[in-house]
C-alpha atoms as a PDB file:
ATOM      1  CA  UNK A   1      -0.225   0.131   0.087  1.00  0.00           C
ATOM      2  CA  UNK A   2       2.517   2.426   0.652  1.00  0.00           C
ATOM      3  CA  UNK A   3       4.002   1.918  -2.983  1.00  0.00           C
ATOM      4  CA  UNK A   4       1.123   3.187  -4.181  1.00  0.00           C
ATOM      5  CA  UNK A   5       0.408   6.106  -1.905  1.00  0.00           C
ATOM      6  CA  UNK A   6       4.035   7.145  -1.104  1.00  0.00           C
ATOM      7  CA  UNK A   7       4.901   8.290  -4.568  1.00  0.00           C
ATOM      8  CA  UNK A   8       1.642  10.002  -5.138  1.00  0.00           C
ATOM      9  CA  UNK A   9       2.347  12.297  -1.920  1.00  0.00           C
ATOM     10  CA  UNK A  10       5.993  13.052  -3.066  1.00  0.00           C
ATOM     11  CA  UNK A  11       3.874  14.387  -6.377  1.00  0.00           C
ATOM     12  CA  UNK A  12       1.709  16.349  -4.414  1.00  0.00           C
ATOM     13  CA  UNK A  13       4.300  17.915  -2.077  1.00  0.00           C
ATOM     14  CA  UNK A  14       6.772  18.803  -4.662  1.00  0.00           C
ATOM     15  CA  UNK A  15       3.489  20.677  -6.489  1.00  0.00           C
ATOM     16  CA  UNK A  16       2.453  22.190  -3.636  1.00  0.00           C
ATOM     17  CA  UNK A  17       6.158  23.966  -2.831  1.00  0.00           C
ATOM     18  CA  UNK A  18       6.022  25.141  -7.003  1.00  0.00           C
ATOM     19  CA  UNK A  19       2.070  26.384  -6.067  1.00  0.00           C
ATOM     20  CA  UNK A  20       3.173  28.450  -2.992  1.00  0.00           C
ATOM     21  CA  UNK A  21       7.075  29.782  -3.474  1.00  0.00           C
ATOM     22  CA  UNK A  22       6.722  29.824  -7.386  1.00  0.00           C
ATOM     23  CA  UNK A  23      10.762  28.526  -7.551  1.00  0.00           C
ATOM     24  CA  UNK A  24      12.977  28.829 -10.411  1.00  0.00           C
ATOM     25  CA  UNK A  25      15.601  26.341 -10.833  1.00  0.00           C
ATOM     26  CA  UNK A  26      17.774  27.924  -8.085  1.00  0.00           C
ATOM     27  CA  UNK A  27      20.806  26.765  -6.030  1.00  0.00           C
ATOM     28  CA  UNK A  28      18.334  25.212  -3.261  1.00  0.00           C
ATOM     29  CA  UNK A  29      16.259  23.194  -5.907  1.00  0.00           C
ATOM     30  CA  UNK A  30      19.786  21.723  -6.964  1.00  0.00           C
ATOM     31  CA  UNK A  31      21.062  21.270  -3.345  1.00  0.00           C
ATOM     32  CA  UNK A  32      17.782  19.605  -2.637  1.00  0.00           C
ATOM     33  CA  UNK A  33      18.443  17.335  -5.980  1.00  0.00           C
ATOM     34  CA  UNK A  34      21.678  16.804  -4.928  1.00  0.00           C
ATOM     35  CA  UNK A  35      20.660  15.493  -1.592  1.00  0.00           C
ATOM     36  CA  UNK A  36      17.983  13.198  -3.380  1.00  0.00           C
ATOM     37  CA  UNK A  37      20.514  11.704  -5.747  1.00  0.00           C
ATOM     38  CA  UNK A  38      23.036  10.853  -3.361  1.00  0.00           C
ATOM     39  CA  UNK A  39      20.198   9.164  -1.252  1.00  0.00           C
ATOM     40  CA  UNK A  40      18.992   7.503  -4.275  1.00  0.00           C
ATOM     41  CA  UNK A  41      22.412   6.645  -4.988  1.00  0.00           C
ATOM     42  CA  UNK A  42      23.989   5.088  -1.745  1.00  0.00           C
ATOM     43  CA  UNK A  43      20.557   2.946  -1.316  1.00  0.00           C
ATOM     44  CA  UNK A  44      20.947   1.290  -4.507  1.00  0.00           C
ATOM     45  CA  UNK A  45      24.697   0.287  -3.791  1.00  0.00           C
ATOM     46  CA  UNK A  46      23.920  -0.617  -0.200  1.00  0.00           C
ATOM     47  CA  UNK A  47      21.135  -2.094  -0.257  1.00  0.00           C
ATOM     48  CA  UNK A  48      19.705  -2.686  -3.981  1.00  0.00           C
ATOM     49  CA  UNK A  49      22.590  -3.706  -5.911  1.00  0.00           C
ATOM     50  CA  UNK A  50      23.874  -6.697  -3.332  1.00  0.00           C
ATOM     51  CA  UNK A  51      20.416  -7.916  -2.989  1.00  0.00           C
ATOM     52  CA  UNK A  52      20.035  -8.368  -6.464  1.00  0.00           C
ATOM     53  CA  UNK A  53      23.649  -9.957  -7.027  1.00  0.00           C
ATOM     54  CA  UNK A  54      23.159 -12.185  -4.155  1.00  0.00           C
ATOM     55  CA  UNK A  55      20.322 -14.149  -6.167  1.00  0.00           C
ATOM     56  CA  UNK A  56      23.621 -15.693  -7.922  1.00  0.00           C
ATOM     57  CA  UNK A  57      21.376 -15.256 -11.156  1.00  0.00           C
ATOM     58  CA  UNK A  58      24.051 -15.081 -14.581  1.00  0.00           C
ATOM     59  CA  UNK A  59      24.348 -12.112 -16.546  1.00  0.00           C
ATOM     60  CA  UNK A  60      23.422  -9.696 -14.101  1.00  0.00           C
ATOM     61  CA  UNK A  61      25.075  -7.240 -15.592  1.00  0.00           C
ATOM     62  CA  UNK A  62      23.679  -7.185 -19.136  1.00  0.00           C
ATOM     63  CA  UNK A  63      20.652  -6.411 -17.566  1.00  0.00           C
ATOM     64  CA  UNK A  64      21.507  -3.657 -15.370  1.00  0.00           C
ATOM     65  CA  UNK A  65      23.835  -1.825 -18.236  1.00  0.00           C
ATOM     66  CA  UNK A  66      20.272  -2.658 -20.861  1.00  0.00           C
ATOM     67  CA  UNK A  67      18.340  -0.394 -17.869  1.00  0.00           C
ATOM     68  CA  UNK A  68      21.369   2.235 -17.919  1.00  0.00           C
ATOM     69  CA  UNK A  69      21.171   2.084 -22.071  1.00  0.00           C
ATOM     70  CA  UNK A  70      17.382   2.532 -22.090  1.00  0.00           C
ATOM     71  CA  UNK A  71      17.352   5.609 -19.633  1.00  0.00           C
ATOM     72  CA  UNK A  72      20.207   7.153 -21.988  1.00  0.00           C
ATOM     73  CA  UNK A  73      17.579   6.493 -24.813  1.00  0.00           C
ATOM     74  CA  UNK A  74      14.616   7.803 -22.757  1.00  0.00           C
ATOM     75  CA  UNK A  75      16.416  10.952 -22.058  1.00  0.00           C
ATOM     76  CA  UNK A  76      16.426  11.834 -25.496  1.00  0.00           C
ATOM     77  CA  UNK A  77      12.601  12.676 -25.144  1.00  0.00           C
ATOM     78  CA  UNK A  78      12.536  13.674 -21.491  1.00  0.00           C
ATOM     79  CA  UNK A  79      15.751  15.739 -22.192  1.00  0.00           C
ATOM     80  CA  UNK A  80      17.223  14.752 -18.664  1.00  0.00           C
ATOM     81  CA  UNK A  81      13.785  15.762 -16.921  1.00  0.00           C
ATOM     82  CA  UNK A  82      14.369  12.669 -14.253  1.00  0.00           C
ATOM     83  CA  UNK A  83      17.656  14.337 -13.246  1.00  0.00           C
ATOM     84  CA  UNK A  84      16.648  18.108 -13.273  1.00  0.00           C
ATOM     85  CA  UNK A  85      17.120  19.650 -16.613  1.00  0.00           C
ATOM     86  CA  UNK A  86      13.656  21.115 -17.834  1.00  0.00           C
ATOM     87  CA  UNK A  87      13.685  23.826 -20.533  1.00  0.00           C
ATOM     88  CA  UNK A  88      10.837  26.274 -20.651  1.00  0.00           C
ATOM     89  CA  UNK A  89       8.972  25.669 -24.146  1.00  0.00           C
ATOM     90  CA  UNK A  90       7.722  28.541 -26.279  1.00  0.00           C
ATOM     91  CA  UNK A  91       3.897  26.889 -27.476  1.00  0.00           C
ATOM     92  CA  UNK A  92       1.354  25.766 -25.248  1.00  0.00           C
ATOM     93  CA  UNK A  93       1.349  22.558 -26.938  1.00  0.00           C
ATOM     94  CA  UNK A  94       1.243  19.460 -24.672  1.00  0.00           C
ATOM     95  CA  UNK A  95       4.673  17.854 -24.431  1.00  0.00           C
ATOM     96  CA  UNK A  96       3.813  14.517 -25.742  1.00  0.00           C
ATOM     97  CA  UNK A  97       7.707  13.212 -25.976  1.00  0.00           C
ATOM     98  CA  UNK A  98       8.662  14.758 -22.580  1.00  0.00           C
ATOM     99  CA  UNK A  99       5.380  13.560 -20.748  1.00  0.00           C
ATOM    100  CA  UNK A 100       5.842   9.894 -22.491  1.00  0.00           C
ATOM    101  CA  UNK A 101       9.480   9.396 -21.406  1.00  0.00           C
ATOM    102  CA  UNK A 102       8.711  10.013 -17.869  1.00  0.00           C
ATOM    103  CA  UNK A 103       6.084   7.759 -17.470  1.00  0.00           C
ATOM    104  CA  UNK A 104       8.068   4.993 -19.198  1.00  0.00           C
ATOM    105  CA  UNK A 105      10.892   6.064 -16.367  1.00  0.00           C
ATOM    106  CA  UNK A 106       8.452   6.519 -13.543  1.00  0.00           C
ATOM    107  CA  UNK A 107       6.795   2.994 -14.849  1.00  0.00           C
ATOM    108  CA  UNK A 108      10.011   1.053 -14.728  1.00  0.00           C
ATOM    109  CA  UNK A 109      11.339   2.617 -11.115  1.00  0.00           C
ATOM    110  CA  UNK A 110       8.029   1.629  -9.672  1.00  0.00           C
ATOM    111  CA  UNK A 111       8.693  -2.170 -10.047  1.00  0.00           C
ATOM    112  CA  UNK A 112      10.477  -2.833  -7.460  1.00  0.00           C
ATOM    113  CA  UNK A 113       9.222  -0.234  -4.512  1.00  0.00           C
ATOM    114  CA  UNK A 114       6.764  -3.052  -3.178  1.00  0.00           C
ATOM    115  CA  UNK A 115       9.465  -5.149  -2.093  1.00  0.00           C
ATOM    116  CA  UNK A 116      12.214  -3.009  -0.963  1.00  0.00           C
ATOM    117  CA  UNK A 117      11.621  -0.490   1.510  1.00  0.00           C
ATOM    118  CA  UNK A 118      14.602   1.643   1.688  1.00  0.00           C
ATOM    119  CA  UNK A 119      14.545   1.629  -2.325  1.00  0.00           C
ATOM    120  CA  UNK A 120      10.617   3.115  -2.357  1.00  0.00           C
ATOM    121  CA  UNK A 121      12.163   5.819   0.627  1.00  0.00           C
ATOM    122  CA  UNK A 122      14.763   6.632  -1.806  1.00  0.00           C
ATOM    123  CA  UNK A 123      12.371   6.791  -4.625  1.00  0.00           C
ATOM    124  CA  UNK A 124      10.138   9.297  -3.153  1.00  0.00           C
ATOM    125  CA  UNK A 125      13.047  11.299  -1.815  1.00  0.00           C
ATOM    126  CA  UNK A 126      14.140  11.568  -5.530  1.00  0.00           C
ATOM    127  CA  UNK A 127      10.722  12.872  -6.721  1.00  0.00           C
ATOM    128  CA  UNK A 128      10.083  15.580  -4.399  1.00  0.00           C
ATOM    129  CA  UNK A 129      12.689  17.751  -6.533  1.00  0.00           C
ATOM    130  CA  UNK A 130      11.645  16.506  -9.826  1.00  0.00           C
ATOM    131  CA  UNK A 131       7.963  17.065  -9.350  1.00  0.00           C
ATOM    132  CA  UNK A 132       8.982  20.695  -7.890  1.00  0.00           C
ATOM    133  CA  UNK A 133      11.178  21.365 -11.321  1.00  0.00           C
ATOM    134  CA  UNK A 134       8.265  19.745 -13.365  1.00  0.00           C
ATOM    135  CA  UNK A 135       5.624  21.705 -11.573  1.00  0.00           C
ATOM    136  CA  UNK A 136       7.664  25.025 -11.759  1.00  0.00           C
ATOM    137  CA  UNK A 137       8.233  24.311 -15.985  1.00  0.00           C
ATOM    138  CA  UNK A 138       4.387  23.775 -15.957  1.00  0.00           C
ATOM    139  CA  UNK A 139       3.384  26.832 -14.213  1.00  0.00           C
ATOM    140  CA  UNK A 140       5.618  28.882 -16.766  1.00  0.00           C
ATOM    141  CA  UNK A 141       4.791  27.484 -19.737  1.00  0.00           C
ATOM    142  CA  UNK A 142       2.314  28.434 -22.159  1.00  0.00           C
ATOM    143  CA  UNK A 143       0.144  25.403 -21.524  1.00  0.00           C
ATOM    144  CA  UNK A 144      -3.073  25.524 -20.126  1.00  0.00           C
ATOM    145  CA  UNK A 145      -4.249  24.725 -16.205  1.00  0.00           C
ATOM    146  CA  UNK A 146      -6.120  21.914 -17.693  1.00  0.00           C
ATOM    147  CA  UNK A 147      -3.147  20.275 -19.883  1.00  0.00           C
ATOM    148  CA  UNK A 148      -0.738  21.072 -17.050  1.00  0.00           C
ATOM    149  CA  UNK A 149      -3.050  19.237 -14.339  1.00  0.00           C
ATOM    150  CA  UNK A 150      -3.503  16.318 -16.622  1.00  0.00           C
ATOM    151  CA  UNK A 151       0.278  16.262 -16.878  1.00  0.00           C
ATOM    152  CA  UNK A 152       0.803  16.516 -12.987  1.00  0.00           C
ATOM    153  CA  UNK A 153      -2.032  13.891 -12.382  1.00  0.00           C
ATOM    154  CA  UNK A 154      -0.955  11.223 -14.857  1.00  0.00           C
ATOM    155  CA  UNK A 155       2.735  11.793 -13.708  1.00  0.00           C
ATOM    156  CA  UNK A 156       2.055  11.216 -10.182  1.00  0.00           C
ATOM    157  CA  UNK A 157       0.126   8.200 -10.878  1.00  0.00           C
ATOM    158  CA  UNK A 158       2.948   6.390 -13.309  1.00  0.00           C
ATOM    159  CA  UNK A 159       4.966   4.957 -10.398  1.00  0.00           C
ATOM    160  CA  UNK A 160       2.326   3.355  -8.435  1.00  0.00           C
ATOM    161  CA  UNK A 161       0.986   1.663 -11.755  1.00  0.00           C
ATOM    162  CA  UNK A 162       4.694  -0.141 -11.863  1.00  0.00           C
ATOM    163  CA  UNK A 163       4.271  -1.113  -8.764  1.00  0.00           C
ATOM    164  CA  UNK A 164       0.677  -2.555  -9.496  1.00  0.00           C
ATOM    165  CA  UNK A 165       1.940  -4.192 -12.422  1.00  0.00           C
ATOM    166  CA  UNK A 166       4.476  -5.766 -10.677  1.00  0.00           C
ATOM    167  CA  UNK A 167       2.297  -7.345  -8.252  1.00  0.00           C
ATOM    168  CA  UNK A 168      -0.239  -8.560 -10.933  1.00  0.00           C
ATOM    169  CA  UNK A 169       1.866  -9.914 -13.566  1.00  0.00           C
ATOM    170  CA  UNK A 170       3.364 -12.955 -13.372  1.00  0.00           C
ATOM    171  CA  UNK A 171       5.649 -12.649 -16.045  1.00  0.00           C
ATOM    172  CA  UNK A 172       7.740  -9.862 -14.026  1.00  0.00           C
ATOM    173  CA  UNK A 173       7.649 -11.740 -10.788  1.00  0.00           C
ATOM    174  CA  UNK A 174       9.077 -14.497 -12.548  1.00  0.00           C
ATOM    175  CA  UNK A 175      12.213 -12.500 -13.642  1.00  0.00           C
ATOM    176  CA  UNK A 176      12.149 -10.467 -10.921  1.00  0.00           C
ATOM    177  CA  UNK A 177      15.636 -10.721 -10.427  1.00  0.00           C
ATOM    178  CA  UNK A 178      16.439  -9.479 -14.373  1.00  0.00           C
ATOM    179  CA  UNK A 179      13.608  -6.748 -13.596  1.00  0.00           C
ATOM    180  CA  UNK A 180      15.533  -5.539 -10.776  1.00  0.00           C
ATOM    181  CA  UNK A 181      18.684  -5.470 -12.435  1.00  0.00           C
ATOM    182  CA  UNK A 182      17.150  -3.360 -15.112  1.00  0.00           C
ATOM    183  CA  UNK A 183      15.841  -0.867 -13.082  1.00  0.00           C
ATOM    184  CA  UNK A 184      18.969  -0.681 -10.919  1.00  0.00           C
ATOM    185  CA  UNK A 185      20.916   0.283 -14.358  1.00  0.00           C
ATOM    186  CA  UNK A 186      18.035   2.930 -14.669  1.00  0.00           C
ATOM    187  CA  UNK A 187      18.299   4.481 -11.521  1.00  0.00           C
ATOM    188  CA  UNK A 188      22.089   4.394 -11.560  1.00  0.00           C
ATOM    189  CA  UNK A 189      22.322   6.333 -14.738  1.00  0.00           C
ATOM    190  CA  UNK A 190      20.330   8.691 -13.129  1.00  0.00           C
ATOM    191  CA  UNK A 191      21.083   9.497  -9.737  1.00  0.00           C
ATOM    192  CA  UNK A 192      25.026   9.600 -10.674  1.00  0.00           C
ATOM    193  CA  UNK A 193      24.172  12.284 -13.613  1.00  0.00           C
ATOM    194  CA  UNK A 194      22.589  14.184 -10.823  1.00  0.00           C
ATOM    195  CA  UNK A 195      25.889  13.780  -8.911  1.00  0.00           C
ATOM    196  CA  UNK A 196      28.593  14.223 -10.908  1.00  0.00           C
ATOM    197  CA  UNK A 197      27.640  16.400 -13.838  1.00  0.00           C
ATOM    198  CA  UNK A 198      30.401  19.302 -14.043  1.00  0.00           C
ATOM    199  CA  UNK A 199      29.732  22.092 -11.557  1.00  0.00           C
ATOM    200  CA  UNK A 200      29.980  25.621 -12.935  1.00  0.00           C
ATOM    201  CA  UNK A 201      33.579  26.442 -13.713  1.00  0.00           C
ATOM    202  CA  UNK A 202      34.371  22.988 -12.186  1.00  0.00           C
ATOM    203  CA  UNK A 203      34.726  24.656  -9.195  1.00  0.00           C
ATOM    204  CA  UNK A 204      34.200  22.631  -5.690  1.00  0.00           C
ATOM    205  CA  UNK A 205      31.037  22.986  -3.987  1.00  0.00           C
ATOM    206  CA  UNK A 206      31.232  22.820  -0.214  1.00  0.00           C
ATOM    207  CA  UNK A 207      27.282  23.531  -0.480  1.00  0.00           C
ATOM    208  CA  UNK A 208      26.589  20.578  -2.721  1.00  0.00           C
ATOM    209  CA  UNK A 209      29.401  18.183  -1.696  1.00  0.00           C
ATOM    210  CA  UNK A 210      28.010  18.413   2.223  1.00  0.00           C
ATOM    211  CA  UNK A 211      24.421  17.464   1.298  1.00  0.00           C
ATOM    212  CA  UNK A 212      25.332  14.269  -0.656  1.00  0.00           C
ATOM    213  CA  UNK A 213      27.774  13.483   2.056  1.00  0.00           C
ATOM    214  CA  UNK A 214      24.386  13.575   4.467  1.00  0.00           C
ATOM    215  CA  UNK A 215      22.567  11.917   1.723  1.00  0.00           C
ATOM    216  CA  UNK A 216      24.950   9.278   2.138  1.00  0.00           C
ATOM    217  CA  UNK A 217      25.144   8.586   5.688  1.00  0.00           C
ATOM    218  CA  UNK A 218      21.525   8.869   6.254  1.00  0.00           C
ATOM    219  CA  UNK A 219      20.929   6.302   3.519  1.00  0.00           C
ATOM    220  CA  UNK A 220      23.730   4.068   5.296  1.00  0.00           C
ATOM    221  CA  UNK A 221      21.822   4.378   8.488  1.00  0.00           C
ATOM    222  CA  UNK A 222      18.470   4.150   7.144  1.00  0.00           C
END
């Protein structure tokens, strides 16, 4: 049940913050995004990845790399929205390619969260700043409120739908280890991109380092 409810709550929180504070993608949002990326990556390294390899199933690495490659393909449509890159559009048309790419990513990340509570927390904490950034993008676009509302509602439902599909489809359950390995690849790409994209002028950022360290420590003791 938590896997169904919490992702929706995360999107609502992000939307509410964007609605009240009308933020631009400033340093505070970027720090929150860095914290979420560090937390998600740490959960994968500390908990999810060892769990996948502990199944002693062959070719796990192939599925991890396949997930990474699929996420790269999805980002041709989403333009990197999964890790905080949003660009304002000039027209009020519905960003269909962005929407489909984000939805596919959200469904995939939802597959294992019902069976892994730590990963569920990682996805939730990651989803809040992404929801803030997407909501701010929609507010500043020329899309109508109805289109924006449809976008956010469906986006919020996608991760719970992924969790639901995993619980209902025998195929996903039978190949659960390979599915989880695939998700590892997807989330590894997203979380590492957040953390290791070049800072401005390649300068050391003490604030970013601090929130990343905090995310790692909290994930370790979770």
